[in-house]
N, C-alpha and C. Protein backbone atom coordinates (compact mmCIF):
# COMPACT_ATOMS: atom_id res chain seq x y z
N MET A 1 0.84 -1.16 0.00
CA MET A 1 0.00 0.00 0.00
C MET A 1 0.89 1.23 0.00
N SER A 2 0.59 2.19 -0.86
CA SER A 2 1.40 3.40 -0.87
C SER A 2 0.77 4.44 0.05
N GLY A 3 1.60 5.28 0.63
CA GLY A 3 1.12 6.30 1.53
C GLY A 3 0.81 5.75 2.90
N ALA A 4 0.49 6.66 3.80
CA ALA A 4 0.19 6.29 5.18
C ALA A 4 -1.15 5.58 5.27
N CYS A 5 -1.25 4.66 6.19
CA CYS A 5 -2.53 4.01 6.47
C CYS A 5 -3.47 5.05 7.07
N SER A 6 -4.75 4.86 6.79
CA SER A 6 -5.74 5.81 7.29
C SER A 6 -6.62 5.15 8.35
N ILE A 7 -6.95 5.94 9.34
CA ILE A 7 -7.77 5.47 10.45
C ILE A 7 -8.92 6.45 10.64
N LEU A 8 -10.12 5.90 10.75
CA LEU A 8 -11.30 6.68 11.08
C LEU A 8 -11.62 6.44 12.55
N ILE A 9 -11.61 7.52 13.33
CA ILE A 9 -11.96 7.46 14.75
C ILE A 9 -13.41 7.93 14.89
N ALA A 10 -14.21 7.18 15.63
CA ALA A 10 -15.59 7.58 15.91
C ALA A 10 -15.81 7.53 17.42
N ASP A 11 -16.01 8.71 18.02
CA ASP A 11 -16.23 8.77 19.46
C ASP A 11 -16.94 10.08 19.77
N ASP A 12 -17.97 10.02 20.59
CA ASP A 12 -18.71 11.23 20.93
C ASP A 12 -18.02 12.07 21.99
N ASN A 13 -16.98 11.56 22.61
CA ASN A 13 -16.22 12.31 23.60
C ASN A 13 -15.08 13.03 22.88
N SER A 14 -15.16 14.35 22.80
CA SER A 14 -14.16 15.11 22.04
C SER A 14 -12.76 14.98 22.62
N ASP A 15 -12.63 14.83 23.93
CA ASP A 15 -11.31 14.66 24.53
C ASP A 15 -10.66 13.36 24.07
N VAL A 16 -11.43 12.29 24.06
CA VAL A 16 -10.92 10.99 23.60
C VAL A 16 -10.58 11.06 22.12
N ARG A 17 -11.51 11.58 21.34
CA ARG A 17 -11.33 11.70 19.89
C ARG A 17 -10.07 12.50 19.56
N ASP A 18 -9.90 13.64 20.21
CA ASP A 18 -8.74 14.50 19.94
C ASP A 18 -7.43 13.85 20.38
N ALA A 19 -7.43 13.22 21.55
CA ALA A 19 -6.21 12.56 22.04
C ALA A 19 -5.79 11.43 21.11
N LEU A 20 -6.75 10.63 20.68
CA LEU A 20 -6.43 9.55 19.74
C LEU A 20 -5.91 10.10 18.42
N ALA A 21 -6.55 11.13 17.91
CA ALA A 21 -6.13 11.72 16.64
C ALA A 21 -4.70 12.26 16.73
N VAL A 22 -4.38 12.96 17.80
CA VAL A 22 -3.02 13.50 17.98
C VAL A 22 -2.00 12.37 18.06
N ALA A 23 -2.29 11.36 18.86
CA ALA A 23 -1.35 10.24 19.03
C ALA A 23 -1.15 9.48 17.73
N LEU A 24 -2.22 9.22 17.00
CA LEU A 24 -2.11 8.46 15.76
C LEU A 24 -1.42 9.26 14.67
N ARG A 25 -1.69 10.56 14.60
CA ARG A 25 -0.99 11.39 13.61
C ARG A 25 0.50 11.45 13.93
N ALA A 26 0.83 11.50 15.21
CA ALA A 26 2.25 11.50 15.61
C ALA A 26 2.94 10.21 15.19
N ASP A 27 2.19 9.12 15.11
CA ASP A 27 2.73 7.84 14.66
C ASP A 27 2.73 7.71 13.14
N GLY A 28 2.26 8.74 12.44
CA GLY A 28 2.32 8.76 10.99
C GLY A 28 1.07 8.33 10.26
N TYR A 29 0.00 8.08 10.98
CA TYR A 29 -1.25 7.68 10.33
C TYR A 29 -2.01 8.91 9.82
N ARG A 30 -2.77 8.71 8.76
CA ARG A 30 -3.74 9.72 8.32
C ARG A 30 -5.00 9.46 9.12
N VAL A 31 -5.56 10.50 9.72
CA VAL A 31 -6.68 10.33 10.64
C VAL A 31 -7.83 11.24 10.26
N ARG A 32 -9.03 10.67 10.29
CA ARG A 32 -10.26 11.44 10.23
C ARG A 32 -11.03 11.08 11.49
N ALA A 33 -11.79 12.04 11.99
CA ALA A 33 -12.50 11.82 13.25
C ALA A 33 -13.96 12.23 13.13
N ALA A 34 -14.83 11.38 13.65
CA ALA A 34 -16.28 11.62 13.62
C ALA A 34 -16.81 11.68 15.04
N ARG A 35 -17.84 12.49 15.24
CA ARG A 35 -18.39 12.67 16.59
C ARG A 35 -19.50 11.68 16.93
N ASP A 36 -19.96 10.90 15.93
CA ASP A 36 -20.98 9.88 16.19
C ASP A 36 -20.96 8.86 15.05
N ALA A 37 -21.76 7.82 15.20
CA ALA A 37 -21.76 6.74 14.20
C ALA A 37 -22.33 7.20 12.87
N TYR A 38 -23.25 8.16 12.90
CA TYR A 38 -23.83 8.65 11.65
C TYR A 38 -22.78 9.37 10.81
N GLU A 39 -22.04 10.27 11.45
CA GLU A 39 -20.98 10.99 10.76
C GLU A 39 -19.88 10.02 10.31
N ALA A 40 -19.56 9.05 11.14
CA ALA A 40 -18.53 8.07 10.79
C ALA A 40 -18.94 7.26 9.57
N GLN A 41 -20.21 6.90 9.47
CA GLN A 41 -20.68 6.14 8.30
C GLN A 41 -20.50 6.97 7.04
N ARG A 42 -20.86 8.25 7.09
CA ARG A 42 -20.69 9.12 5.92
C ARG A 42 -19.21 9.24 5.55
N MET A 43 -18.36 9.43 6.55
CA MET A 43 -16.92 9.55 6.30
C MET A 43 -16.36 8.25 5.72
N PHE A 44 -16.81 7.12 6.27
CA PHE A 44 -16.33 5.84 5.77
C PHE A 44 -16.70 5.67 4.30
N ALA A 45 -17.93 5.99 3.96
CA ALA A 45 -18.40 5.82 2.57
C ALA A 45 -17.60 6.68 1.60
N SER A 46 -17.14 7.85 2.05
CA SER A 46 -16.42 8.75 1.15
C SER A 46 -14.91 8.52 1.14
N SER A 47 -14.36 7.94 2.19
CA SER A 47 -12.89 7.85 2.26
C SER A 47 -12.33 6.44 2.37
N HIS A 48 -13.14 5.46 2.73
CA HIS A 48 -12.71 4.06 2.87
C HIS A 48 -11.37 3.92 3.59
N PRO A 49 -11.34 4.25 4.89
CA PRO A 49 -10.10 4.14 5.66
C PRO A 49 -9.66 2.68 5.80
N ASP A 50 -8.41 2.50 6.19
CA ASP A 50 -7.86 1.16 6.37
C ASP A 50 -8.36 0.49 7.64
N VAL A 51 -8.68 1.30 8.67
CA VAL A 51 -9.12 0.80 9.97
C VAL A 51 -10.15 1.77 10.54
N VAL A 52 -11.14 1.24 11.25
CA VAL A 52 -12.10 2.06 11.98
C VAL A 52 -11.91 1.77 13.46
N LEU A 53 -11.75 2.82 14.25
CA LEU A 53 -11.60 2.73 15.71
C LEU A 53 -12.80 3.46 16.30
N SER A 54 -13.73 2.71 16.90
CA SER A 54 -15.01 3.28 17.29
C SER A 54 -15.40 2.96 18.72
N ASP A 55 -15.99 3.95 19.37
CA ASP A 55 -16.63 3.75 20.66
C ASP A 55 -17.86 2.87 20.43
N ILE A 56 -18.13 1.98 21.36
CA ILE A 56 -19.30 1.10 21.21
C ILE A 56 -20.58 1.84 21.59
N ARG A 57 -20.48 2.80 22.53
CA ARG A 57 -21.65 3.55 23.00
C ARG A 57 -21.52 5.01 22.62
N MET A 58 -22.25 5.40 21.61
CA MET A 58 -22.28 6.79 21.16
C MET A 58 -23.55 6.97 20.34
N PRO A 59 -23.93 8.20 20.05
CA PRO A 59 -25.10 8.38 19.20
C PRO A 59 -24.93 7.63 17.88
N GLY A 60 -25.94 6.87 17.52
CA GLY A 60 -25.89 6.05 16.32
C GLY A 60 -25.39 4.65 16.57
N ASP A 61 -24.76 4.39 17.71
CA ASP A 61 -24.35 3.06 18.17
C ASP A 61 -23.15 2.48 17.41
N GLY A 62 -22.11 2.17 18.15
CA GLY A 62 -20.90 1.58 17.58
C GLY A 62 -21.14 0.22 16.95
N MET A 63 -22.03 -0.58 17.52
CA MET A 63 -22.35 -1.88 16.91
C MET A 63 -23.04 -1.71 15.56
N ALA A 64 -23.90 -0.71 15.46
CA ALA A 64 -24.56 -0.43 14.17
C ALA A 64 -23.52 0.04 13.15
N LEU A 65 -22.57 0.86 13.58
CA LEU A 65 -21.50 1.30 12.69
C LEU A 65 -20.69 0.10 12.21
N LEU A 66 -20.38 -0.81 13.11
CA LEU A 66 -19.65 -2.03 12.74
C LEU A 66 -20.38 -2.78 11.62
N ARG A 67 -21.68 -2.97 11.77
CA ARG A 67 -22.46 -3.66 10.75
C ARG A 67 -22.45 -2.89 9.42
N ARG A 68 -22.59 -1.57 9.48
CA ARG A 68 -22.61 -0.77 8.25
C ARG A 68 -21.26 -0.83 7.54
N VAL A 69 -20.18 -0.73 8.30
CA VAL A 69 -18.84 -0.81 7.70
C VAL A 69 -18.67 -2.16 7.02
N HIS A 70 -19.04 -3.22 7.70
CA HIS A 70 -18.88 -4.56 7.12
C HIS A 70 -19.81 -4.79 5.93
N ASP A 71 -20.96 -4.13 5.90
CA ASP A 71 -21.82 -4.21 4.72
C ASP A 71 -21.15 -3.55 3.52
N MET A 72 -20.46 -2.42 3.76
CA MET A 72 -19.81 -1.69 2.68
C MET A 72 -18.46 -2.29 2.29
N SER A 73 -17.74 -2.80 3.29
CA SER A 73 -16.37 -3.27 3.06
C SER A 73 -16.03 -4.34 4.09
N PRO A 74 -16.40 -5.60 3.84
CA PRO A 74 -16.22 -6.67 4.83
C PRO A 74 -14.79 -6.86 5.31
N GLU A 75 -13.81 -6.50 4.50
CA GLU A 75 -12.41 -6.72 4.89
C GLU A 75 -11.84 -5.62 5.78
N THR A 76 -12.54 -4.50 5.93
CA THR A 76 -12.02 -3.40 6.75
C THR A 76 -12.11 -3.76 8.23
N PRO A 77 -10.97 -3.75 8.93
CA PRO A 77 -11.01 -4.05 10.36
C PRO A 77 -11.66 -2.93 11.17
N VAL A 78 -12.50 -3.33 12.11
CA VAL A 78 -13.13 -2.40 13.04
C VAL A 78 -12.69 -2.79 14.44
N ILE A 79 -12.18 -1.82 15.17
CA ILE A 79 -11.79 -1.99 16.56
C ILE A 79 -12.80 -1.22 17.40
N LEU A 80 -13.50 -1.92 18.28
CA LEU A 80 -14.45 -1.25 19.16
C LEU A 80 -13.81 -1.02 20.52
N MET A 81 -14.20 0.08 21.16
CA MET A 81 -13.64 0.41 22.47
C MET A 81 -14.75 0.97 23.35
N THR A 82 -14.49 0.91 24.65
CA THR A 82 -15.44 1.45 25.61
C THR A 82 -14.71 1.91 26.86
N GLY A 83 -15.29 2.88 27.51
CA GLY A 83 -14.77 3.32 28.80
C GLY A 83 -15.46 2.62 29.95
N PHE A 84 -16.62 2.03 29.67
CA PHE A 84 -17.42 1.38 30.70
C PHE A 84 -17.96 0.07 30.14
N GLU A 85 -17.21 -1.00 30.35
CA GLU A 85 -17.62 -2.29 29.80
C GLU A 85 -18.80 -2.84 30.57
N GLN A 86 -19.82 -3.24 29.84
CA GLN A 86 -21.00 -3.88 30.40
C GLN A 86 -20.90 -5.38 30.14
N PRO A 87 -21.54 -6.20 30.97
CA PRO A 87 -21.51 -7.64 30.72
C PRO A 87 -21.96 -7.96 29.29
N GLY A 88 -21.20 -8.77 28.63
CA GLY A 88 -21.54 -9.19 27.28
C GLY A 88 -21.01 -8.31 26.17
N ASP A 89 -20.48 -7.12 26.49
CA ASP A 89 -19.98 -6.20 25.46
C ASP A 89 -18.90 -6.86 24.60
N ARG A 90 -17.91 -7.43 25.23
CA ARG A 90 -16.78 -8.02 24.50
C ARG A 90 -17.27 -9.15 23.58
N ARG A 91 -18.07 -10.04 24.13
CA ARG A 91 -18.58 -11.16 23.34
C ARG A 91 -19.42 -10.66 22.18
N ARG A 92 -20.29 -9.70 22.43
CA ARG A 92 -21.16 -9.14 21.39
C ARG A 92 -20.34 -8.46 20.29
N ALA A 93 -19.33 -7.69 20.69
CA ALA A 93 -18.49 -6.98 19.71
C ALA A 93 -17.72 -7.95 18.83
N LEU A 94 -17.07 -8.93 19.45
CA LEU A 94 -16.27 -9.88 18.68
C LEU A 94 -17.15 -10.80 17.83
N ALA A 95 -18.30 -11.22 18.38
CA ALA A 95 -19.23 -12.05 17.60
C ALA A 95 -19.81 -11.25 16.43
N GLY A 96 -19.91 -9.93 16.59
CA GLY A 96 -20.43 -9.07 15.54
C GLY A 96 -19.42 -8.74 14.46
N GLY A 97 -18.17 -9.15 14.66
CA GLY A 97 -17.17 -8.94 13.62
C GLY A 97 -16.06 -7.96 13.96
N ALA A 98 -16.07 -7.39 15.16
CA ALA A 98 -14.97 -6.49 15.54
C ALA A 98 -13.68 -7.30 15.63
N ARG A 99 -12.59 -6.71 15.17
CA ARG A 99 -11.29 -7.40 15.25
C ARG A 99 -10.73 -7.39 16.65
N GLU A 100 -11.02 -6.32 17.38
CA GLU A 100 -10.54 -6.16 18.76
C GLU A 100 -11.59 -5.42 19.55
N PHE A 101 -11.55 -5.60 20.87
CA PHE A 101 -12.41 -4.85 21.78
C PHE A 101 -11.52 -4.35 22.90
N LEU A 102 -11.42 -3.04 23.04
CA LEU A 102 -10.48 -2.43 23.99
C LEU A 102 -11.20 -1.60 25.04
N LEU A 103 -10.62 -1.59 26.23
CA LEU A 103 -11.08 -0.69 27.28
C LEU A 103 -10.24 0.58 27.20
N LYS A 104 -10.91 1.72 27.31
CA LYS A 104 -10.20 3.00 27.30
C LYS A 104 -9.49 3.17 28.62
N PRO A 105 -8.39 3.87 28.67
CA PRO A 105 -7.74 4.59 27.58
C PRO A 105 -6.94 3.62 26.69
N VAL A 106 -6.85 3.96 25.40
CA VAL A 106 -6.20 3.07 24.44
C VAL A 106 -4.99 3.72 23.77
N ILE A 107 -4.53 4.84 24.27
CA ILE A 107 -3.38 5.51 23.66
C ILE A 107 -2.09 4.85 24.11
N GLY A 108 -1.09 4.87 23.25
CA GLY A 108 0.23 4.37 23.62
C GLY A 108 0.56 3.05 22.97
N GLU A 109 1.47 2.34 23.60
CA GLU A 109 1.97 1.08 23.03
C GLU A 109 0.86 0.05 22.87
N ARG A 110 -0.10 0.06 23.76
CA ARG A 110 -1.21 -0.89 23.64
C ARG A 110 -1.96 -0.71 22.32
N LEU A 111 -2.25 0.53 21.95
CA LEU A 111 -2.92 0.79 20.68
C LEU A 111 -2.02 0.45 19.51
N ARG A 112 -0.74 0.80 19.59
CA ARG A 112 0.20 0.46 18.52
C ARG A 112 0.25 -1.05 18.29
N SER A 113 0.27 -1.80 19.37
CA SER A 113 0.32 -3.26 19.27
C SER A 113 -0.94 -3.80 18.58
N VAL A 114 -2.09 -3.30 18.95
CA VAL A 114 -3.34 -3.74 18.33
C VAL A 114 -3.34 -3.37 16.85
N LEU A 115 -2.89 -2.18 16.52
CA LEU A 115 -2.86 -1.78 15.10
C LEU A 115 -1.90 -2.65 14.31
N ARG A 116 -0.77 -3.00 14.89
CA ARG A 116 0.16 -3.90 14.19
C ARG A 116 -0.52 -5.23 13.88
N ARG A 117 -1.22 -5.79 14.86
CA ARG A 117 -1.92 -7.06 14.65
C ARG A 117 -3.02 -6.92 13.60
N VAL A 118 -3.82 -5.88 13.73
CA VAL A 118 -4.96 -5.70 12.85
C VAL A 118 -4.52 -5.41 11.42
N LEU A 119 -3.49 -4.63 11.27
CA LEU A 119 -3.01 -4.29 9.93
C LEU A 119 -2.12 -5.37 9.34
N GLY A 120 -1.66 -6.30 10.17
CA GLY A 120 -0.86 -7.40 9.66
C GLY A 120 0.55 -7.03 9.30
N ARG A 121 1.03 -5.95 9.83
CA ARG A 121 2.41 -5.54 9.59
C ARG A 121 2.84 -4.62 10.73
N ARG A 122 4.10 -4.31 10.76
CA ARG A 122 4.60 -3.41 11.81
C ARG A 122 3.94 -2.06 11.66
N ALA A 123 3.51 -1.47 12.77
CA ALA A 123 2.83 -0.17 12.72
C ALA A 123 3.70 0.89 12.06
N SER A 124 4.99 0.84 12.26
CA SER A 124 5.85 1.84 11.64
C SER A 124 5.86 1.67 10.13
N ASP A 125 5.80 0.44 9.63
CA ASP A 125 5.72 0.20 8.19
C ASP A 125 4.37 0.68 7.65
N ALA A 126 3.31 0.40 8.42
CA ALA A 126 1.96 0.75 7.98
C ALA A 126 1.79 2.27 7.92
N ALA A 127 2.47 2.99 8.78
CA ALA A 127 2.30 4.42 8.84
C ALA A 127 3.15 5.17 7.82
N GLU A 128 4.05 4.48 7.15
CA GLU A 128 4.93 5.16 6.19
C GLU A 128 4.19 5.57 4.95
């Protein structure tokens, strides 16, 4: 793949969204950020990012976004995250097709490691 990998962040919490965007851009990724699942779906349809990183609980619902992304592009990995895990969230997310399910905060080496696994290559190579 030529150019930097692209990541679409979907989170209704602007602090989380901004922190993730700053960290991922610093790692060399191209980043777009949406404030809810509706906006994320529109952005996904127009830009087809390499990875979607989405909150599971936000307006429009992260699980619904996961289904919409997979309807449009079944091979695109979706990583769901939450700050408040409820019983069954992890099982539901993974059974629904999410590649990973993370508890916030997800910035740092933990996120880099997940991206390396999901992208199937070293994160530094993917970000080039």
